[in-house]
Amino acid sequence: MDTRTRNHPDDDQRFFHEVVETLTGADEVLLVGPSVTKLHFLRYVQAHVPALESAVVGIETADHPTDRQFVAHVRQYFHMALPRIGTTP
């Protein structure tokens, strides 16, 4: 049983607030992660920052992908070439 929420019920709200601040101004947002936290985040956005909801272009389940798997997924999802590490755009 996950006791983090029970022991620290405000942690998710603080974290979601920080993520929203980071995403301010984003044109497109893809929510990726395991379990239901991504859906809880979407509900937080709907309740607190409805303008950001229109930037959410997808919600995908991925159980702890490696960095390379995550980048490959983003490339496939957005059909774009992302810069490689060590290159200049």
PDB file of N, CA and C in Angstrom:
ATOM      1  N   MET A   1       0.836  -1.175   0.000  1.00  0.00           N
ATOM      2  CA  MET A   1       0.000   0.000   0.000  1.00  0.00           C
ATOM      3  C   MET A   1       0.885   1.244   0.000  1.00  0.00           C
ATOM      4  N   ASP A   2       0.515   2.228  -0.806  1.00  0.00           N
ATOM      5  CA  ASP A   2       1.270   3.475  -0.904  1.00  0.00           C
ATOM      6  C   ASP A   2       0.815   4.417   0.201  1.00  0.00           C
ATOM      7  N   THR A   3       1.719   4.709   1.132  1.00  0.00           N
ATOM      8  CA  THR A   3       1.346   5.550   2.274  1.00  0.00           C
ATOM      9  C   THR A   3       1.759   7.000   2.097  1.00  0.00           C
ATOM     10  N   ARG A   4       2.407   7.345   0.991  1.00  0.00           N
ATOM     11  CA  ARG A   4       2.884   8.723   0.815  1.00  0.00           C
ATOM     12  C   ARG A   4       1.747   9.729   0.865  1.00  0.00           C
ATOM     13  N   THR A   5       0.661   9.488   0.168  1.00  0.00           N
ATOM     14  CA  THR A   5      -0.454  10.428   0.150  1.00  0.00           C
ATOM     15  C   THR A   5      -1.103  10.517   1.516  1.00  0.00           C
ATOM     16  N   ARG A   6      -1.258   9.388   2.184  1.00  0.00           N
ATOM     17  CA  ARG A   6      -1.898   9.379   3.493  1.00  0.00           C
ATOM     18  C   ARG A   6      -1.057  10.142   4.518  1.00  0.00           C
ATOM     19  N   ASN A   7       0.271   9.961   4.477  1.00  0.00           N
ATOM     20  CA  ASN A   7       1.145  10.608   5.443  1.00  0.00           C
ATOM     21  C   ASN A   7       1.427  12.073   5.114  1.00  0.00           C
ATOM     22  N   HIS A   8       1.377  12.427   3.834  1.00  0.00           N
ATOM     23  CA  HIS A   8       1.674  13.787   3.379  1.00  0.00           C
ATOM     24  C   HIS A   8       0.671  14.182   2.301  1.00  0.00           C
ATOM     25  N   PRO A   9      -0.569  14.454   2.685  1.00  0.00           N
ATOM     26  CA  PRO A   9      -1.624  14.676   1.688  1.00  0.00           C
ATOM     27  C   PRO A   9      -1.406  15.896   0.807  1.00  0.00           C
ATOM     28  N   ASP A  10      -0.596  16.865   1.230  1.00  0.00           N
ATOM     29  CA  ASP A  10      -0.389  18.066   0.427  1.00  0.00           C
ATOM     30  C   ASP A  10       0.759  17.934  -0.569  1.00  0.00           C
ATOM     31  N   ASP A  11       1.506  16.846  -0.501  1.00  0.00           N
ATOM     32  CA  ASP A  11       2.660  16.689  -1.389  1.00  0.00           C
ATOM     33  C   ASP A  11       2.263  16.729  -2.862  1.00  0.00           C
ATOM     34  N   ASP A  12       1.228  15.993  -3.248  1.00  0.00           N
ATOM     35  CA  ASP A  12       0.800  15.984  -4.646  1.00  0.00           C
ATOM     36  C   ASP A  12       0.420  17.386  -5.099  1.00  0.00           C
ATOM     37  N   GLN A  13      -0.321  18.112  -4.292  1.00  0.00           N
ATOM     38  CA  GLN A  13      -0.751  19.459  -4.676  1.00  0.00           C
ATOM     39  C   GLN A  13       0.444  20.391  -4.865  1.00  0.00           C
ATOM     40  N   ARG A  14       1.404  20.320  -3.972  1.00  0.00           N
ATOM     41  CA  ARG A  14       2.617  21.149  -4.109  1.00  0.00           C
ATOM     42  C   ARG A  14       3.385  20.765  -5.364  1.00  0.00           C
ATOM     43  N   PHE A  15       3.540  19.474  -5.585  1.00  0.00           N
ATOM     44  CA  PHE A  15       4.261  19.000  -6.763  1.00  0.00           C
ATOM     45  C   PHE A  15       3.543  19.431  -8.035  1.00  0.00           C
ATOM     46  N   PHE A  16       2.235  19.231  -8.089  1.00  0.00           N
ATOM     47  CA  PHE A  16       1.467  19.621  -9.270  1.00  0.00           C
ATOM     48  C   PHE A  16       1.601  21.118  -9.532  1.00  0.00           C
ATOM     49  N   HIS A  17       1.577  21.916  -8.477  1.00  0.00           N
ATOM     50  CA  HIS A  17       1.733  23.364  -8.630  1.00  0.00           C
ATOM     51  C   HIS A  17       3.091  23.695  -9.254  1.00  0.00           C
ATOM     52  N   GLU A  18       4.147  23.034  -8.793  1.00  0.00           N
ATOM     53  CA  GLU A  18       5.480  23.270  -9.343  1.00  0.00           C
ATOM     54  C   GLU A  18       5.558  22.860 -10.814  1.00  0.00           C
ATOM     55  N   VAL A  19       4.933  21.749 -11.161  1.00  0.00           N
ATOM     56  CA  VAL A  19       4.933  21.292 -12.551  1.00  0.00           C
ATOM     57  C   VAL A  19       4.179  22.295 -13.418  1.00  0.00           C
ATOM     58  N   VAL A  20       3.040  22.772 -12.942  1.00  0.00           N
ATOM     59  CA  VAL A  20       2.256  23.760 -13.697  1.00  0.00           C
ATOM     60  C   VAL A  20       3.084  25.020 -13.939  1.00  0.00           C
ATOM     61  N   GLU A  21       3.803  25.466 -12.932  1.00  0.00           N
ATOM     62  CA  GLU A  21       4.655  26.657 -13.103  1.00  0.00           C
ATOM     63  C   GLU A  21       5.704  26.422 -14.183  1.00  0.00           C
ATOM     64  N   THR A  22       6.260  25.226 -14.223  1.00  0.00           N
ATOM     65  CA  THR A  22       7.266  24.889 -15.226  1.00  0.00           C
ATOM     66  C   THR A  22       6.655  24.848 -16.629  1.00  0.00           C
ATOM     67  N   LEU A  23       5.417  24.402 -16.725  1.00  0.00           N
ATOM     68  CA  LEU A  23       4.764  24.244 -18.027  1.00  0.00           C
ATOM     69  C   LEU A  23       4.111  25.526 -18.551  1.00  0.00           C
ATOM     70  N   THR A  24       4.112  26.573 -17.757  1.00  0.00           N
ATOM     71  CA  THR A  24       3.480  27.820 -18.189  1.00  0.00           C
ATOM     72  C   THR A  24       4.087  28.264 -19.514  1.00  0.00           C
ATOM     73  N   GLY A  25       3.224  28.507 -20.486  1.00  0.00           N
ATOM     74  CA  GLY A  25       3.662  28.942 -21.805  1.00  0.00           C
ATOM     75  C   GLY A  25       3.907  27.818 -22.791  1.00  0.00           C
ATOM     76  N   ALA A  26       3.789  26.568 -22.347  1.00  0.00           N
ATOM     77  CA  ALA A  26       4.009  25.431 -23.243  1.00  0.00           C
ATOM     78  C   ALA A  26       2.891  25.356 -24.269  1.00  0.00           C
ATOM     79  N   ASP A  27       3.260  25.072 -25.507  1.00  0.00           N
ATOM     80  CA  ASP A  27       2.266  24.924 -26.571  1.00  0.00           C
ATOM     81  C   ASP A  27       1.613  23.552 -26.554  1.00  0.00           C
ATOM     82  N   GLU A  28       2.415  22.527 -26.243  1.00  0.00           N
ATOM     83  CA  GLU A  28       1.915  21.157 -26.227  1.00  0.00           C
ATOM     84  C   GLU A  28       2.498  20.423 -25.026  1.00  0.00           C
ATOM     85  N   VAL A  29       1.655  19.644 -24.370  1.00  0.00           N
ATOM     86  CA  VAL A  29       2.070  18.881 -23.198  1.00  0.00           C
ATOM     87  C   VAL A  29       1.587  17.446 -23.370  1.00  0.00           C
ATOM     88  N   LEU A  30       2.507  16.509 -23.215  1.00  0.00           N
ATOM     89  CA  LEU A  30       2.185  15.085 -23.237  1.00  0.00           C
ATOM     90  C   LEU A  30       2.374  14.558 -21.831  1.00  0.00           C
ATOM     91  N   LEU A  31       1.319  14.035 -21.228  1.00  0.00           N
ATOM     92  CA  LEU A  31       1.400  13.474 -19.877  1.00  0.00           C
ATOM     93  C   LEU A  31       1.765  12.003 -19.998  1.00  0.00           C
ATOM     94  N   VAL A  32       2.887  11.631 -19.392  1.00  0.00           N
ATOM     95  CA  VAL A  32       3.390  10.262 -19.476  1.00  0.00           C
ATOM     96  C   VAL A  32       3.768   9.793 -18.081  1.00  0.00           C
ATOM     97  N   GLY A  33       3.367   8.578 -17.754  1.00  0.00           N
ATOM     98  CA  GLY A  33       3.774   8.017 -16.477  1.00  0.00           C
ATOM     99  C   GLY A  33       3.024   6.759 -16.153  1.00  0.00           C
ATOM    100  N   PRO A  34       3.458   6.100 -15.072  1.00  0.00           N
ATOM    101  CA  PRO A  34       2.767   4.895 -14.637  1.00  0.00           C
ATOM    102  C   PRO A  34       1.538   5.246 -13.810  1.00  0.00           C
ATOM    103  N   SER A  35       0.659   4.307 -13.656  1.00  0.00           N
ATOM    104  CA  SER A  35      -0.466   4.423 -12.733  1.00  0.00           C
ATOM    105  C   SER A  35      -1.378   5.593 -13.043  1.00  0.00           C
ATOM    106  N   VAL A  36      -1.983   6.156 -12.009  1.00  0.00           N
ATOM    107  CA  VAL A  36      -3.023   7.177 -12.203  1.00  0.00           C
ATOM    108  C   VAL A  36      -2.590   8.596 -11.874  1.00  0.00           C
ATOM    109  N   THR A  37      -1.342   8.798 -11.493  1.00  0.00           N
ATOM    110  CA  THR A  37      -0.904  10.136 -11.108  1.00  0.00           C
ATOM    111  C   THR A  37      -1.082  11.128 -12.250  1.00  0.00           C
ATOM    112  N   LYS A  38      -0.858  10.692 -13.474  1.00  0.00           N
ATOM    113  CA  LYS A  38      -1.034  11.601 -14.615  1.00  0.00           C
ATOM    114  C   LYS A  38      -2.482  12.067 -14.722  1.00  0.00           C
ATOM    115  N   LEU A  39      -3.433  11.212 -14.370  1.00  0.00           N
ATOM    116  CA  LEU A  39      -4.846  11.606 -14.389  1.00  0.00           C
ATOM    117  C   LEU A  39      -5.163  12.548 -13.234  1.00  0.00           C
ATOM    118  N   HIS A  40      -4.541  12.321 -12.088  1.00  0.00           N
ATOM    119  CA  HIS A  40      -4.713  13.245 -10.962  1.00  0.00           C
ATOM    120  C   HIS A  40      -4.154  14.618 -11.330  1.00  0.00           C
ATOM    121  N   PHE A  41      -3.029  14.627 -12.047  1.00  0.00           N
ATOM    122  CA  PHE A  41      -2.456  15.896 -12.489  1.00  0.00           C
ATOM    123  C   PHE A  41      -3.401  16.600 -13.460  1.00  0.00           C
ATOM    124  N   LEU A  42      -3.976  15.859 -14.388  1.00  0.00           N
ATOM    125  CA  LEU A  42      -4.920  16.462 -15.333  1.00  0.00           C
ATOM    126  C   LEU A  42      -6.115  17.064 -14.597  1.00  0.00           C
ATOM    127  N   ARG A  43      -6.630  16.372 -13.602  1.00  0.00           N
ATOM    128  CA  ARG A  43      -7.747  16.915 -12.806  1.00  0.00           C
ATOM    129  C   ARG A  43      -7.322  18.181 -12.067  1.00  0.00           C
ATOM    130  N   TYR A  44      -6.083  18.207 -11.580  1.00  0.00           N
ATOM    131  CA  TYR A  44      -5.561  19.407 -10.924  1.00  0.00           C
ATOM    132  C   TYR A  44      -5.533  20.565 -11.924  1.00  0.00           C
ATOM    133  N   VAL A  45      -5.037  20.299 -13.124  1.00  0.00           N
ATOM    134  CA  VAL A  45      -4.986  21.333 -14.170  1.00  0.00           C
ATOM    135  C   VAL A  45      -6.392  21.829 -14.485  1.00  0.00           C
ATOM    136  N   GLN A  46      -7.329  20.915 -14.653  1.00  0.00           N
ATOM    137  CA  GLN A  46      -8.708  21.304 -14.960  1.00  0.00           C
ATOM    138  C   GLN A  46      -9.291  22.197 -13.872  1.00  0.00           C
ATOM    139  N   ALA A  47      -8.978  21.925 -12.627  1.00  0.00           N
ATOM    140  CA  ALA A  47      -9.541  22.682 -11.505  1.00  0.00           C
ATOM    141  C   ALA A  47      -8.816  23.995 -11.237  1.00  0.00           C
ATOM    142  N   HIS A  48      -7.492  24.027 -11.469  1.00  0.00           N
ATOM    143  CA  HIS A  48      -6.713  25.177 -11.048  1.00  0.00           C
ATOM    144  C   HIS A  48      -6.148  26.029 -12.182  1.00  0.00           C
ATOM    145  N   VAL A  49      -5.910  25.417 -13.345  1.00  0.00           N
ATOM    146  CA  VAL A  49      -5.305  26.147 -14.464  1.00  0.00           C
ATOM    147  C   VAL A  49      -5.964  25.689 -15.765  1.00  0.00           C
ATOM    148  N   PRO A  50      -7.251  25.992 -15.940  1.00  0.00           N
ATOM    149  CA  PRO A  50      -7.962  25.473 -17.106  1.00  0.00           C
ATOM    150  C   PRO A  50      -7.334  25.885 -18.438  1.00  0.00           C
ATOM    151  N   ALA A  51      -6.627  26.992 -18.484  1.00  0.00           N
ATOM    152  CA  ALA A  51      -5.993  27.424 -19.733  1.00  0.00           C
ATOM    153  C   ALA A  51      -4.917  26.428 -20.180  1.00  0.00           C
ATOM    154  N   LEU A  52      -4.263  25.755 -19.244  1.00  0.00           N
ATOM    155  CA  LEU A  52      -3.224  24.786 -19.588  1.00  0.00           C
ATOM    156  C   LEU A  52      -3.826  23.503 -20.159  1.00  0.00           C
ATOM    157  N   GLU A  53      -5.059  23.209 -19.817  1.00  0.00           N
ATOM    158  CA  GLU A  53      -5.679  21.962 -20.285  1.00  0.00           C
ATOM    159  C   GLU A  53      -5.681  21.866 -21.805  1.00  0.00           C
ATOM    160  N   SER A  54      -5.878  22.981 -22.484  1.00  0.00           N
ATOM    161  CA  SER A  54      -5.912  22.941 -23.951  1.00  0.00           C
ATOM    162  C   SER A  54      -4.555  22.582 -24.550  1.00  0.00           C
ATOM    163  N   ALA A  55      -3.476  22.719 -23.787  1.00  0.00           N
ATOM    164  CA  ALA A  55      -2.145  22.352 -24.275  1.00  0.00           C
ATOM    165  C   ALA A  55      -1.888  20.856 -24.147  1.00  0.00           C
ATOM    166  N   VAL A  56      -2.684  20.155 -23.347  1.00  0.00           N
ATOM    167  CA  VAL A  56      -2.486  18.714 -23.158  1.00  0.00           C
ATOM    168  C   VAL A  56      -2.954  17.998 -24.429  1.00  0.00           C
ATOM    169  N   VAL A  57      -1.989  17.395 -25.121  1.00  0.00           N
ATOM    170  CA  VAL A  57      -2.294  16.742 -26.394  1.00  0.00           C
ATOM    171  C   VAL A  57      -2.412  15.236 -26.267  1.00  0.00           C
ATOM    172  N   GLY A  58      -2.072  14.692 -25.106  1.00  0.00           N
ATOM    173  CA  GLY A  58      -2.188  13.257 -24.930  1.00  0.00           C
ATOM    174  C   GLY A  58      -1.834  12.815 -23.533  1.00  0.00           C
ATOM    175  N   ILE A  59      -2.317  11.637 -23.200  1.00  0.00           N
ATOM    176  CA  ILE A  59      -2.026  11.011 -21.914  1.00  0.00           C
ATOM    177  C   ILE A  59      -1.620   9.574 -22.220  1.00  0.00           C
ATOM    178  N   GLU A  60      -0.402   9.219 -21.870  1.00  0.00           N
ATOM    179  CA  GLU A  60       0.132   7.904 -22.197  1.00  0.00           C
ATOM    180  C   GLU A  60       0.644   7.211 -20.943  1.00  0.00           C
ATOM    181  N   THR A  61       0.396   5.928 -20.855  1.00  0.00           N
ATOM    182  CA  THR A  61       0.909   5.132 -19.744  1.00  0.00           C
ATOM    183  C   THR A  61       2.259   4.554 -20.133  1.00  0.00           C
ATOM    184  N   ALA A  62       3.231   4.754 -19.264  1.00  0.00           N
ATOM    185  CA  ALA A  62       4.568   4.191 -19.466  1.00  0.00           C
ATOM    186  C   ALA A  62       5.124   3.885 -18.080  1.00  0.00           C
ATOM    187  N   ASP A  63       5.497   2.651 -17.868  1.00  0.00           N
ATOM    188  CA  ASP A  63       5.960   2.226 -16.551  1.00  0.00           C
ATOM    189  C   ASP A  63       7.473   2.355 -16.447  1.00  0.00           C
ATOM    190  N   HIS A  64       7.940   3.461 -15.914  1.00  0.00           N
ATOM    191  CA  HIS A  64       9.354   3.726 -15.659  1.00  0.00           C
ATOM    192  C   HIS A  64      10.240   3.527 -16.894  1.00  0.00           C
ATOM    193  N   PRO A  65       9.981   4.281 -17.966  1.00  0.00           N
ATOM    194  CA  PRO A  65      10.828   4.134 -19.153  1.00  0.00           C
ATOM    195  C   PRO A  65      12.227   4.696 -18.890  1.00  0.00           C
ATOM    196  N   THR A  66      13.200   4.168 -19.618  1.00  0.00           N
ATOM    197  CA  THR A  66      14.536   4.750 -19.566  1.00  0.00           C
ATOM    198  C   THR A  66      14.477   6.090 -20.307  1.00  0.00           C
ATOM    199  N   ASP A  67      15.516   6.887 -20.166  1.00  0.00           N
ATOM    200  CA  ASP A  67      15.555   8.163 -20.885  1.00  0.00           C
ATOM    201  C   ASP A  67      15.438   7.945 -22.388  1.00  0.00           C
ATOM    202  N   ARG A  68      16.155   6.969 -22.907  1.00  0.00           N
ATOM    203  CA  ARG A  68      16.113   6.696 -24.352  1.00  0.00           C
ATOM    204  C   ARG A  68      14.725   6.242 -24.795  1.00  0.00           C
ATOM    205  N   GLN A  69      14.079   5.397 -24.008  1.00  0.00           N
ATOM    206  CA  GLN A  69      12.731   4.953 -24.347  1.00  0.00           C
ATOM    207  C   GLN A  69      11.759   6.130 -24.336  1.00  0.00           C
ATOM    208  N   PHE A  70      11.924   7.011 -23.356  1.00  0.00           N
ATOM    209  CA  PHE A  70      11.048   8.172 -23.264  1.00  0.00           C
ATOM    210  C   PHE A  70      11.226   9.089 -24.471  1.00  0.00           C
ATOM    211  N   VAL A  71      12.474   9.373 -24.835  1.00  0.00           N
ATOM    212  CA  VAL A  71      12.739  10.233 -25.986  1.00  0.00           C
ATOM    213  C   VAL A  71      12.194   9.599 -27.259  1.00  0.00           C
ATOM    214  N   ALA A  72      12.380   8.300 -27.421  1.00  0.00           N
ATOM    215  CA  ALA A  72      11.849   7.613 -28.606  1.00  0.00           C
ATOM    216  C   ALA A  72      10.335   7.721 -28.654  1.00  0.00           C
ATOM    217  N   HIS A  73       9.698   7.593 -27.511  1.00  0.00           N
ATOM    218  CA  HIS A  73       8.239   7.701 -27.448  1.00  0.00           C
ATOM    219  C   HIS A  73       7.788   9.112 -27.836  1.00  0.00           C
ATOM    220  N   VAL A  74       8.468  10.116 -27.324  1.00  0.00           N
ATOM    221  CA  VAL A  74       8.114  11.503 -27.649  1.00  0.00           C
ATOM    222  C   VAL A  74       8.312  11.759 -29.134  1.00  0.00           C
ATOM    223  N   ARG A  75       9.405  11.282 -29.691  1.00  0.00           N
ATOM    224  CA  ARG A  75       9.638  11.455 -31.135  1.00  0.00           C
ATOM    225  C   ARG A  75       8.515  10.825 -31.939  1.00  0.00           C
ATOM    226  N   GLN A  76       8.124   9.628 -31.566  1.00  0.00           N
ATOM    227  CA  GLN A  76       7.062   8.931 -32.287  1.00  0.00           C
ATOM    228  C   GLN A  76       5.727   9.661 -32.115  1.00  0.00           C
ATOM    229  N   TYR A  77       5.452  10.105 -30.897  1.00  0.00           N
ATOM    230  CA  TYR A  77       4.169  10.746 -30.606  1.00  0.00           C
ATOM    231  C   TYR A  77       4.017  12.054 -31.374  1.00  0.00           C
ATOM    232  N   PHE A  78       5.075  12.847 -31.384  1.00  0.00           N
ATOM    233  CA  PHE A  78       5.010  14.151 -32.033  1.00  0.00           C
ATOM    234  C   PHE A  78       5.524  14.124 -33.465  1.00  0.00           C
ATOM    235  N   HIS A  79       5.997  12.968 -33.935  1.00  0.00           N
ATOM    236  CA  HIS A  79       6.490  12.831 -35.307  1.00  0.00           C
ATOM    237  C   HIS A  79       7.512  13.912 -35.625  1.00  0.00           C
ATOM    238  N   MET A  80       8.483  14.033 -34.752  1.00  0.00           N
ATOM    239  CA  MET A  80       9.480  15.075 -34.948  1.00  0.00           C
ATOM    240  C   MET A  80      10.856  14.555 -34.590  1.00  0.00           C
ATOM    241  N   ALA A  81      11.846  15.237 -35.123  1.00  0.00           N
ATOM    242  CA  ALA A  81      13.218  14.914 -34.777  1.00  0.00           C
ATOM    243  C   ALA A  81      13.643  15.848 -33.652  1.00  0.00           C
ATOM    244  N   LEU A  82      14.012  15.269 -32.522  1.00  0.00           N
ATOM    245  CA  LEU A  82      14.519  16.064 -31.422  1.00  0.00           C
ATOM    246  C   LEU A  82      16.030  16.145 -31.539  1.00  0.00           C
ATOM    247  N   PRO A  83      16.612  17.232 -31.064  1.00  0.00           N
ATOM    248  CA  PRO A  83      18.074  17.343 -31.158  1.00  0.00           C
ATOM    249  C   PRO A  83      18.765  16.240 -30.362  1.00  0.00           C
ATOM    250  N   ARG A  84      19.871  15.805 -30.852  1.00  0.00           N
ATOM    251  CA  ARG A  84      20.679  14.803 -30.161  1.00  0.00           C
ATOM    252  C   ARG A  84      21.553  15.504 -29.133  1.00  0.00           C
ATOM    253  N   ILE A  85      21.901  14.811 -28.094  1.00  0.00           N
ATOM    254  CA  ILE A  85      22.774  15.379 -27.059  1.00  0.00           C
ATOM    255  C   ILE A  85      24.109  15.732 -27.707  1.00  0.00           C
ATOM    256  N   GLY A  86      24.599  16.931 -27.380  1.00  0.00           N
ATOM    257  CA  GLY A  86      25.879  17.365 -27.900  1.00  0.00           C
ATOM    258  C   GLY A  86      25.803  18.065 -29.239  1.00  0.00           C
ATOM    259  N   THR A  87      24.592  18.271 -29.761  1.00  0.00           N
ATOM    260  CA  THR A  87      24.454  18.985 -31.024  1.00  0.00           C
ATOM    261  C   THR A  87      23.791  20.334 -30.765  1.00  0.00           C
ATOM    262  N   THR A  88      23.961  21.231 -31.663  1.00  0.00           N
ATOM    263  CA  THR A  88      23.309  22.536 -31.543  1.00  0.00           C
ATOM    264  C   THR A  88      22.141  22.586 -32.513  1.00  0.00           C
ATOM    265  N   PRO A  89      21.059  23.213 -32.094  1.00  0.00           N
ATOM    266  CA  PRO A  89      19.884  23.269 -32.979  1.00  0.00           C
ATOM    267  C   PRO A  89      20.119  24.132 -34.199  1.00  0.00           C
TER     268      PRO A  89
END
